[in-house]
Amino acid sequence: MILKAQHILVAQEYEAKDVLKKLTQGESFEKLASDFSICPSARQGGNLGEFPKGRMVPAFEKALMSLKENEISGIVRTQFGYHIIKRL
């Protein structure tokens, strides 16, 4: 199974809460990713491209699999920080 996703990765939970609030106020996922994400994917608006199931850490993948296409997750904590995930 091939998955596609975008994400915003931040170091602190309060940052993730702030980004999530901005998303609910209608700000662009891509702009917020490029402005706030600490992942190299920020340069592509948080786009992680296509990847096979099993490639991402379990918490990230579990959250991604629970989303419908174009749906945005709540805050997902992994060893890398705090993610907000959008399934593509």
PDB file of N, CA and C in Angstrom:
ATOM      1  N   MET A   1       0.837  -1.186   0.000  1.00  0.00           N
ATOM      2  CA  MET A   1       0.000   0.000   0.000  1.00  0.00           C
ATOM      3  C   MET A   1       0.881   1.248   0.000  1.00  0.00           C
ATOM      4  N   ILE A   2       0.583   2.166  -0.898  1.00  0.00           N
ATOM      5  CA  ILE A   2       1.316   3.429  -0.993  1.00  0.00           C
ATOM      6  C   ILE A   2       0.491   4.534  -0.328  1.00  0.00           C
ATOM      7  N   LEU A   3       1.137   5.291   0.536  1.00  0.00           N
ATOM      8  CA  LEU A   3       0.487   6.390   1.251  1.00  0.00           C
ATOM      9  C   LEU A   3       1.071   7.716   0.776  1.00  0.00           C
ATOM     10  N   LYS A   4       0.279   8.785   0.922  1.00  0.00           N
ATOM     11  CA  LYS A   4       0.739  10.138   0.611  1.00  0.00           C
ATOM     12  C   LYS A   4       0.290  11.053   1.747  1.00  0.00           C
ATOM     13  N   ALA A   5       1.197  11.940   2.154  1.00  0.00           N
ATOM     14  CA  ALA A   5       0.859  12.824   3.270  1.00  0.00           C
ATOM     15  C   ALA A   5       1.680  14.102   3.234  1.00  0.00           C
ATOM     16  N   GLN A   6       1.139  15.089   3.938  1.00  0.00           N
ATOM     17  CA  GLN A   6       1.860  16.310   4.272  1.00  0.00           C
ATOM     18  C   GLN A   6       1.888  16.347   5.787  1.00  0.00           C
ATOM     19  N   HIS A   7       2.868  17.035   6.352  1.00  0.00           N
ATOM     20  CA  HIS A   7       2.837  17.223   7.798  1.00  0.00           C
ATOM     21  C   HIS A   7       3.551  18.505   8.182  1.00  0.00           C
ATOM     22  N   ILE A   8       3.238  18.921   9.384  1.00  0.00           N
ATOM     23  CA  ILE A   8       3.913  20.048  10.014  1.00  0.00           C
ATOM     24  C   ILE A   8       4.514  19.469  11.290  1.00  0.00           C
ATOM     25  N   LEU A   9       5.819  19.602  11.435  1.00  0.00           N
ATOM     26  CA  LEU A   9       6.529  19.072  12.597  1.00  0.00           C
ATOM     27  C   LEU A   9       7.108  20.227  13.400  1.00  0.00           C
ATOM     28  N   VAL A  10       6.758  20.260  14.676  1.00  0.00           N
ATOM     29  CA  VAL A  10       7.302  21.275  15.577  1.00  0.00           C
ATOM     30  C   VAL A  10       7.869  20.588  16.817  1.00  0.00           C
ATOM     31  N   ALA A  11       8.698  21.300  17.552  1.00  0.00           N
ATOM     32  CA  ALA A  11       9.392  20.706  18.695  1.00  0.00           C
ATOM     33  C   ALA A  11       8.557  20.681  19.971  1.00  0.00           C
ATOM     34  N   GLN A  12       7.651  21.642  20.121  1.00  0.00           N
ATOM     35  CA  GLN A  12       6.910  21.790  21.378  1.00  0.00           C
ATOM     36  C   GLN A  12       5.407  21.653  21.158  1.00  0.00           C
ATOM     37  N   GLU A  13       4.721  21.098  22.149  1.00  0.00           N
ATOM     38  CA  GLU A  13       3.276  20.907  22.040  1.00  0.00           C
ATOM     39  C   GLU A  13       2.542  22.248  21.885  1.00  0.00           C
ATOM     40  N   TYR A  14       2.989  23.284  22.596  1.00  0.00           N
ATOM     41  CA  TYR A  14       2.311  24.575  22.483  1.00  0.00           C
ATOM     42  C   TYR A  14       2.387  25.118  21.056  1.00  0.00           C
ATOM     43  N   GLU A  15       3.489  24.833  20.354  1.00  0.00           N
ATOM     44  CA  GLU A  15       3.612  25.256  18.954  1.00  0.00           C
ATOM     45  C   GLU A  15       2.594  24.520  18.089  1.00  0.00           C
ATOM     46  N   ALA A  16       2.448  23.228  18.336  1.00  0.00           N
ATOM     47  CA  ALA A  16       1.486  22.428  17.573  1.00  0.00           C
ATOM     48  C   ALA A  16       0.061  22.935  17.807  1.00  0.00           C
ATOM     49  N   LYS A  17      -0.251  23.282  19.047  1.00  0.00           N
ATOM     50  CA  LYS A  17      -1.582  23.819  19.362  1.00  0.00           C
ATOM     51  C   LYS A  17      -1.822  25.131  18.618  1.00  0.00           C
ATOM     52  N   ASP A  18      -0.799  25.978  18.561  1.00  0.00           N
ATOM     53  CA  ASP A  18      -0.905  27.259  17.860  1.00  0.00           C
ATOM     54  C   ASP A  18      -1.135  27.036  16.360  1.00  0.00           C
ATOM     55  N   VAL A  19      -0.382  26.104  15.767  1.00  0.00           N
ATOM     56  CA  VAL A  19      -0.535  25.806  14.338  1.00  0.00           C
ATOM     57  C   VAL A  19      -1.925  25.233  14.070  1.00  0.00           C
ATOM     58  N   LEU A  20      -2.381  24.323  14.914  1.00  0.00           N
ATOM     59  CA  LEU A  20      -3.706  23.725  14.738  1.00  0.00           C
ATOM     60  C   LEU A  20      -4.797  24.800  14.805  1.00  0.00           C
ATOM     61  N   LYS A  21      -4.628  25.749  15.711  1.00  0.00           N
ATOM     62  CA  LYS A  21      -5.589  26.855  15.822  1.00  0.00           C
ATOM     63  C   LYS A  21      -5.612  27.668  14.528  1.00  0.00           C
ATOM     64  N   LYS A  22      -4.432  27.959  13.979  1.00  0.00           N
ATOM     65  CA  LYS A  22      -4.353  28.716  12.728  1.00  0.00           C
ATOM     66  C   LYS A  22      -5.019  27.944  11.578  1.00  0.00           C
ATOM     67  N   LEU A  23      -4.866  26.627  11.574  1.00  0.00           N
ATOM     68  CA  LEU A  23      -5.519  25.807  10.539  1.00  0.00           C
ATOM     69  C   LEU A  23      -7.034  25.909  10.649  1.00  0.00           C
ATOM     70  N   THR A  24      -7.561  25.856  11.877  1.00  0.00           N
ATOM     71  CA  THR A  24      -9.009  25.936  12.055  1.00  0.00           C
ATOM     72  C   THR A  24      -9.549  27.321  11.696  1.00  0.00           C
ATOM     73  N   GLN A  25      -8.661  28.317  11.698  1.00  0.00           N
ATOM     74  CA  GLN A  25      -9.063  29.676  11.305  1.00  0.00           C
ATOM     75  C   GLN A  25      -8.928  29.882   9.803  1.00  0.00           C
ATOM     76  N   GLY A  26      -8.560  28.808   9.081  1.00  0.00           N
ATOM     77  CA  GLY A  26      -8.542  28.874   7.625  1.00  0.00           C
ATOM     78  C   GLY A  26      -7.203  29.135   6.972  1.00  0.00           C
ATOM     79  N   GLU A  27      -6.125  29.172   7.749  1.00  0.00           N
ATOM     80  CA  GLU A  27      -4.813  29.390   7.129  1.00  0.00           C
ATOM     81  C   GLU A  27      -4.392  28.154   6.336  1.00  0.00           C
ATOM     82  N   SER A  28      -3.597  28.378   5.329  1.00  0.00           N
ATOM     83  CA  SER A  28      -3.153  27.325   4.424  1.00  0.00           C
ATOM     84  C   SER A  28      -2.187  26.355   5.106  1.00  0.00           C
ATOM     85  N   PHE A  29      -2.451  25.048   4.929  1.00  0.00           N
ATOM     86  CA  PHE A  29      -1.569  24.022   5.469  1.00  0.00           C
ATOM     87  C   PHE A  29      -0.153  24.207   4.931  1.00  0.00           C
ATOM     88  N   GLU A  30      -0.044  24.440   3.633  1.00  0.00           N
ATOM     89  CA  GLU A  30       1.259  24.585   2.992  1.00  0.00           C
ATOM     90  C   GLU A  30       2.036  25.780   3.552  1.00  0.00           C
ATOM     91  N   LYS A  31       1.353  26.905   3.739  1.00  0.00           N
ATOM     92  CA  LYS A  31       2.019  28.101   4.271  1.00  0.00           C
ATOM     93  C   LYS A  31       2.462  27.874   5.709  1.00  0.00           C
ATOM     94  N   LEU A  32       1.604  27.266   6.504  1.00  0.00           N
ATOM     95  CA  LEU A  32       1.968  26.999   7.895  1.00  0.00           C
ATOM     96  C   LEU A  32       3.139  26.016   7.976  1.00  0.00           C
ATOM     97  N   ALA A  33       3.147  25.024   7.095  1.00  0.00           N
ATOM     98  CA  ALA A  33       4.273  24.079   7.066  1.00  0.00           C
ATOM     99  C   ALA A  33       5.564  24.809   6.726  1.00  0.00           C
ATOM    100  N   SER A  34       5.523  25.662   5.706  1.00  0.00           N
ATOM    101  CA  SER A  34       6.757  26.355   5.320  1.00  0.00           C
ATOM    102  C   SER A  34       7.190  27.363   6.380  1.00  0.00           C
ATOM    103  N   ASP A  35       6.242  27.932   7.122  1.00  0.00           N
ATOM    104  CA  ASP A  35       6.576  28.925   8.147  1.00  0.00           C
ATOM    105  C   ASP A  35       7.038  28.310   9.470  1.00  0.00           C
ATOM    106  N   PHE A  36       6.476  27.150   9.849  1.00  0.00           N
ATOM    107  CA  PHE A  36       6.700  26.633  11.197  1.00  0.00           C
ATOM    108  C   PHE A  36       7.371  25.267  11.290  1.00  0.00           C
ATOM    109  N   SER A  37       7.259  24.434  10.274  1.00  0.00           N
ATOM    110  CA  SER A  37       7.771  23.066  10.381  1.00  0.00           C
ATOM    111  C   SER A  37       9.295  23.036  10.441  1.00  0.00           C
ATOM    112  N   ILE A  38       9.813  22.151  11.301  1.00  0.00           N
ATOM    113  CA  ILE A  38      11.255  21.980  11.421  1.00  0.00           C
ATOM    114  C   ILE A  38      11.754  20.818  10.559  1.00  0.00           C
ATOM    115  N   CYS A  39      10.870  20.194   9.814  1.00  0.00           N
ATOM    116  CA  CYS A  39      11.237  19.096   8.920  1.00  0.00           C
ATOM    117  C   CYS A  39      11.721  19.674   7.584  1.00  0.00           C
ATOM    118  N   PRO A  40      12.694  19.037   6.939  1.00  0.00           N
ATOM    119  CA  PRO A  40      13.122  19.505   5.613  1.00  0.00           C
ATOM    120  C   PRO A  40      11.978  19.578   4.593  1.00  0.00           C
ATOM    121  N   SER A  41      10.896  18.817   4.821  1.00  0.00           N
ATOM    122  CA  SER A  41       9.748  18.856   3.915  1.00  0.00           C
ATOM    123  C   SER A  41       9.027  20.200   3.943  1.00  0.00           C
ATOM    124  N   ALA A  42       9.365  21.060   4.892  1.00  0.00           N
ATOM    125  CA  ALA A  42       8.739  22.384   4.979  1.00  0.00           C
ATOM    126  C   ALA A  42       8.907  23.152   3.674  1.00  0.00           C
ATOM    127  N   ARG A  43      10.027  22.933   2.987  1.00  0.00           N
ATOM    128  CA  ARG A  43      10.279  23.635   1.715  1.00  0.00           C
ATOM    129  C   ARG A  43       9.274  23.239   0.636  1.00  0.00           C
ATOM    130  N   GLN A  44       8.642  22.083   0.803  1.00  0.00           N
ATOM    131  CA  GLN A  44       7.614  21.623  -0.145  1.00  0.00           C
ATOM    132  C   GLN A  44       6.222  21.709   0.486  1.00  0.00           C
ATOM    133  N   GLY A  45       6.024  22.641   1.402  1.00  0.00           N
ATOM    134  CA  GLY A  45       4.733  22.792   2.057  1.00  0.00           C
ATOM    135  C   GLY A  45       4.371  21.609   2.926  1.00  0.00           C
ATOM    136  N   GLY A  46       5.391  20.907   3.415  1.00  0.00           N
ATOM    137  CA  GLY A  46       5.162  19.758   4.284  1.00  0.00           C
ATOM    138  C   GLY A  46       4.925  18.451   3.546  1.00  0.00           C
ATOM    139  N   ASN A  47       5.007  18.480   2.218  1.00  0.00           N
ATOM    140  CA  ASN A  47       4.706  17.285   1.427  1.00  0.00           C
ATOM    141  C   ASN A  47       5.794  16.232   1.592  1.00  0.00           C
ATOM    142  N   LEU A  48       5.384  15.055   2.041  1.00  0.00           N
ATOM    143  CA  LEU A  48       6.301  13.931   2.214  1.00  0.00           C
ATOM    144  C   LEU A  48       6.325  13.018   0.998  1.00  0.00           C
ATOM    145  N   GLY A  49       5.477  13.317   0.014  1.00  0.00           N
ATOM    146  CA  GLY A  49       5.422  12.495  -1.189  1.00  0.00           C
ATOM    147  C   GLY A  49       4.768  11.157  -0.921  1.00  0.00           C
ATOM    148  N   GLU A  50       5.113  10.174  -1.738  1.00  0.00           N
ATOM    149  CA  GLU A  50       4.569   8.830  -1.608  1.00  0.00           C
ATOM    150  C   GLU A  50       5.571   7.949  -0.862  1.00  0.00           C
ATOM    151  N   PHE A  51       5.038   7.057  -0.043  1.00  0.00           N
ATOM    152  CA  PHE A  51       5.890   6.130   0.696  1.00  0.00           C
ATOM    153  C   PHE A  51       5.084   4.875   1.015  1.00  0.00           C
ATOM    154  N   PRO A  52       5.776   3.744   1.164  1.00  0.00           N
ATOM    155  CA  PRO A  52       5.065   2.503   1.450  1.00  0.00           C
ATOM    156  C   PRO A  52       4.616   2.421   2.904  1.00  0.00           C
ATOM    157  N   LYS A  53       3.528   1.707   3.133  1.00  0.00           N
ATOM    158  CA  LYS A  53       3.064   1.451   4.498  1.00  0.00           C
ATOM    159  C   LYS A  53       4.204   0.761   5.244  1.00  0.00           C
ATOM    160  N   GLY A  54       4.427   1.176   6.480  1.00  0.00           N
ATOM    161  CA  GLY A  54       5.491   0.591   7.283  1.00  0.00           C
ATOM    162  C   GLY A  54       6.768   1.418   7.313  1.00  0.00           C
ATOM    163  N   ARG A  55       6.825   2.464   6.508  1.00  0.00           N
ATOM    164  CA  ARG A  55       8.044   3.286   6.456  1.00  0.00           C
ATOM    165  C   ARG A  55       8.110   4.321   7.582  1.00  0.00           C
ATOM    166  N   MET A  56       6.972   4.847   7.985  1.00  0.00           N
ATOM    167  CA  MET A  56       6.937   5.880   9.027  1.00  0.00           C
ATOM    168  C   MET A  56       6.855   5.244  10.416  1.00  0.00           C
ATOM    169  N   VAL A  57       7.186   6.023  11.442  1.00  0.00           N
ATOM    170  CA  VAL A  57       7.100   5.513  12.811  1.00  0.00           C
ATOM    171  C   VAL A  57       5.639   5.162  13.123  1.00  0.00           C
ATOM    172  N   PRO A  58       5.413   4.177  14.011  1.00  0.00           N
ATOM    173  CA  PRO A  58       4.053   3.674  14.246  1.00  0.00           C
ATOM    174  C   PRO A  58       3.002   4.727  14.609  1.00  0.00           C
ATOM    175  N   ALA A  59       3.317   5.658  15.488  1.00  0.00           N
ATOM    176  CA  ALA A  59       2.314   6.662  15.890  1.00  0.00           C
ATOM    177  C   ALA A  59       1.894   7.527  14.708  1.00  0.00           C
ATOM    178  N   PHE A  60       2.858   7.902  13.872  1.00  0.00           N
ATOM    179  CA  PHE A  60       2.564   8.711  12.690  1.00  0.00           C
ATOM    180  C   PHE A  60       1.680   7.919  11.730  1.00  0.00           C
ATOM    181  N   GLU A  61       2.070   6.695  11.444  1.00  0.00           N
ATOM    182  CA  GLU A  61       1.326   5.878  10.495  1.00  0.00           C
ATOM    183  C   GLU A  61      -0.084   5.551  10.989  1.00  0.00           C
ATOM    184  N   LYS A  62      -0.216   5.270  12.275  1.00  0.00           N
ATOM    185  CA  LYS A  62      -1.541   4.980  12.839  1.00  0.00           C
ATOM    186  C   LYS A  62      -2.471   6.178  12.652  1.00  0.00           C
ATOM    187  N   ALA A  63      -1.966   7.379  12.951  1.00  0.00           N
ATOM    188  CA  ALA A  63      -2.771   8.593  12.780  1.00  0.00           C
ATOM    189  C   ALA A  63      -3.114   8.808  11.313  1.00  0.00           C
ATOM    190  N   LEU A  64      -2.133   8.615  10.434  1.00  0.00           N
ATOM    191  CA  LEU A  64      -2.363   8.799   9.002  1.00  0.00           C
ATOM    192  C   LEU A  64      -3.426   7.830   8.484  1.00  0.00           C
ATOM    193  N   MET A  65      -3.345   6.585   8.901  1.00  0.00           N
ATOM    194  CA  MET A  65      -4.292   5.565   8.424  1.00  0.00           C
ATOM    195  C   MET A  65      -5.725   5.835   8.899  1.00  0.00           C
ATOM    196  N   SER A  66      -5.862   6.580   9.991  1.00  0.00           N
ATOM    197  CA  SER A  66      -7.199   6.878  10.510  1.00  0.00           C
ATOM    198  C   SER A  66      -7.862   8.050   9.782  1.00  0.00           C
ATOM    199  N   LEU A  67      -7.106   8.747   8.933  1.00  0.00           N
ATOM    200  CA  LEU A  67      -7.628   9.920   8.230  1.00  0.00           C
ATOM    201  C   LEU A  67      -8.209   9.553   6.872  1.00  0.00           C
ATOM    202  N   LYS A  68      -9.199  10.320   6.463  1.00  0.00           N
ATOM    203  CA  LYS A  68      -9.694  10.244   5.092  1.00  0.00           C
ATOM    204  C   LYS A  68      -8.851  11.188   4.239  1.00  0.00           C
ATOM    205  N   GLU A  69      -8.933  11.044   2.933  1.00  0.00           N
ATOM    206  CA  GLU A  69      -8.191  11.919   2.034  1.00  0.00           C
ATOM    207  C   GLU A  69      -8.531  13.379   2.319  1.00  0.00           C
ATOM    208  N   ASN A  70      -7.509  14.217   2.392  1.00  0.00           N
ATOM    209  CA  ASN A  70      -7.586  15.657   2.675  1.00  0.00           C
ATOM    210  C   ASN A  70      -8.021  16.002   4.096  1.00  0.00           C
ATOM    211  N   GLU A  71      -8.106  15.005   4.961  1.00  0.00           N
ATOM    212  CA  GLU A  71      -8.450  15.249   6.361  1.00  0.00           C
ATOM    213  C   GLU A  71      -7.167  15.555   7.135  1.00  0.00           C
ATOM    214  N   ILE A  72      -7.283  16.394   8.154  1.00  0.00           N
ATOM    215  CA  ILE A  72      -6.143  16.816   8.955  1.00  0.00           C
ATOM    216  C   ILE A  72      -6.271  16.239  10.361  1.00  0.00           C
ATOM    217  N   SER A  73      -5.174  15.712  10.870  1.00  0.00           N
ATOM    218  CA  SER A  73      -5.157  15.099  12.201  1.00  0.00           C
ATOM    219  C   SER A  73      -5.128  16.151  13.303  1.00  0.00           C
ATOM    220  N   GLY A  74      -5.284  15.658  14.500  1.00  0.00           N
ATOM    221  CA  GLY A  74      -4.962  16.446  15.677  1.00  0.00           C
ATOM    222  C   GLY A  74      -3.455  16.375  15.867  1.00  0.00           C
ATOM    223  N   ILE A  75      -2.990  16.626  17.061  1.00  0.00           N
ATOM    224  CA  ILE A  75      -1.565  16.596  17.356  1.00  0.00           C
ATOM    225  C   ILE A  75      -1.128  15.156  17.601  1.00  0.00           C
ATOM    226  N   VAL A  76      -0.058  14.758  16.908  1.00  0.00           N
ATOM    227  CA  VAL A  76       0.481  13.401  17.025  1.00  0.00           C
ATOM    228  C   VAL A  76       1.929  13.513  17.521  1.00  0.00           C
ATOM    229  N   ARG A  77       2.199  12.909  18.670  1.00  0.00           N
ATOM    230  CA  ARG A  77       3.551  12.975  19.241  1.00  0.00           C
ATOM    231  C   ARG A  77       4.364  11.748  18.831  1.00  0.00           C
ATOM    232  N   THR A  78       5.574  11.990  18.372  1.00  0.00           N
ATOM    233  CA  THR A  78       6.530  10.920  18.087  1.00  0.00           C
ATOM    234  C   THR A  78       7.865  11.322  18.710  1.00  0.00           C
ATOM    235  N   GLN A  79       8.876  10.486  18.528  1.00  0.00           N
ATOM    236  CA  GLN A  79      10.193  10.817  19.059  1.00  0.00           C
ATOM    237  C   GLN A  79      10.814  12.013  18.352  1.00  0.00           C
ATOM    238  N   PHE A  80      10.227  12.430  17.209  1.00  0.00           N
ATOM    239  CA  PHE A  80      10.750  13.565  16.454  1.00  0.00           C
ATOM    240  C   PHE A  80      10.155  14.893  16.896  1.00  0.00           C
ATOM    241  N   GLY A  81       9.019  14.849  17.588  1.00  0.00           N
ATOM    242  CA  GLY A  81       8.331  16.061  18.007  1.00  0.00           C
ATOM    243  C   GLY A  81       6.832  15.897  17.868  1.00  0.00           C
ATOM    244  N   TYR A  82       6.171  16.987  17.534  1.00  0.00           N
ATOM    245  CA  TYR A  82       4.707  17.032  17.441  1.00  0.00           C
ATOM    246  C   TYR A  82       4.310  17.294  15.999  1.00  0.00           C
ATOM    247  N   HIS A  83       3.506  16.391  15.459  1.00  0.00           N
ATOM    248  CA  HIS A  83       3.093  16.463  14.060  1.00  0.00           C
ATOM    249  C   HIS A  83       1.619  16.848  13.943  1.00  0.00           C
ATOM    250  N   ILE A  84       1.317  17.542  12.873  1.00  0.00           N
ATOM    251  CA  ILE A  84      -0.048  17.686  12.380  1.00  0.00           C
ATOM    252  C   ILE A  84       0.015  17.122  10.975  1.00  0.00           C
ATOM    253  N   ILE A  85      -0.822  16.139  10.701  1.00  0.00           N
ATOM    254  CA  ILE A  85      -0.725  15.347   9.480  1.00  0.00           C
ATOM    255  C   ILE A  85      -1.948  15.574   8.596  1.00  0.00           C
ATOM    256  N   LYS A  86      -1.697  15.669   7.304  1.00  0.00           N
ATOM    257  CA  LYS A  86      -2.784  15.752   6.320  1.00  0.00           C
ATOM    258  C   LYS A  86      -2.600  14.593   5.351  1.00  0.00           C
ATOM    259  N   ARG A  87      -3.635  13.771   5.227  1.00  0.00           N
ATOM    260  CA  ARG A  87      -3.572  12.655   4.275  1.00  0.00           C
ATOM    261  C   ARG A  87      -3.916  13.161   2.890  1.00  0.00           C
ATOM    262  N   LEU A  88      -3.122  12.769   1.922  1.00  0.00           N
ATOM    263  CA  LEU A  88      -3.351  13.166   0.536  1.00  0.00           C
ATOM    264  C   LEU A  88      -3.871  11.996  -0.278  1.00  0.00           C
TER     265      LEU A  88
END
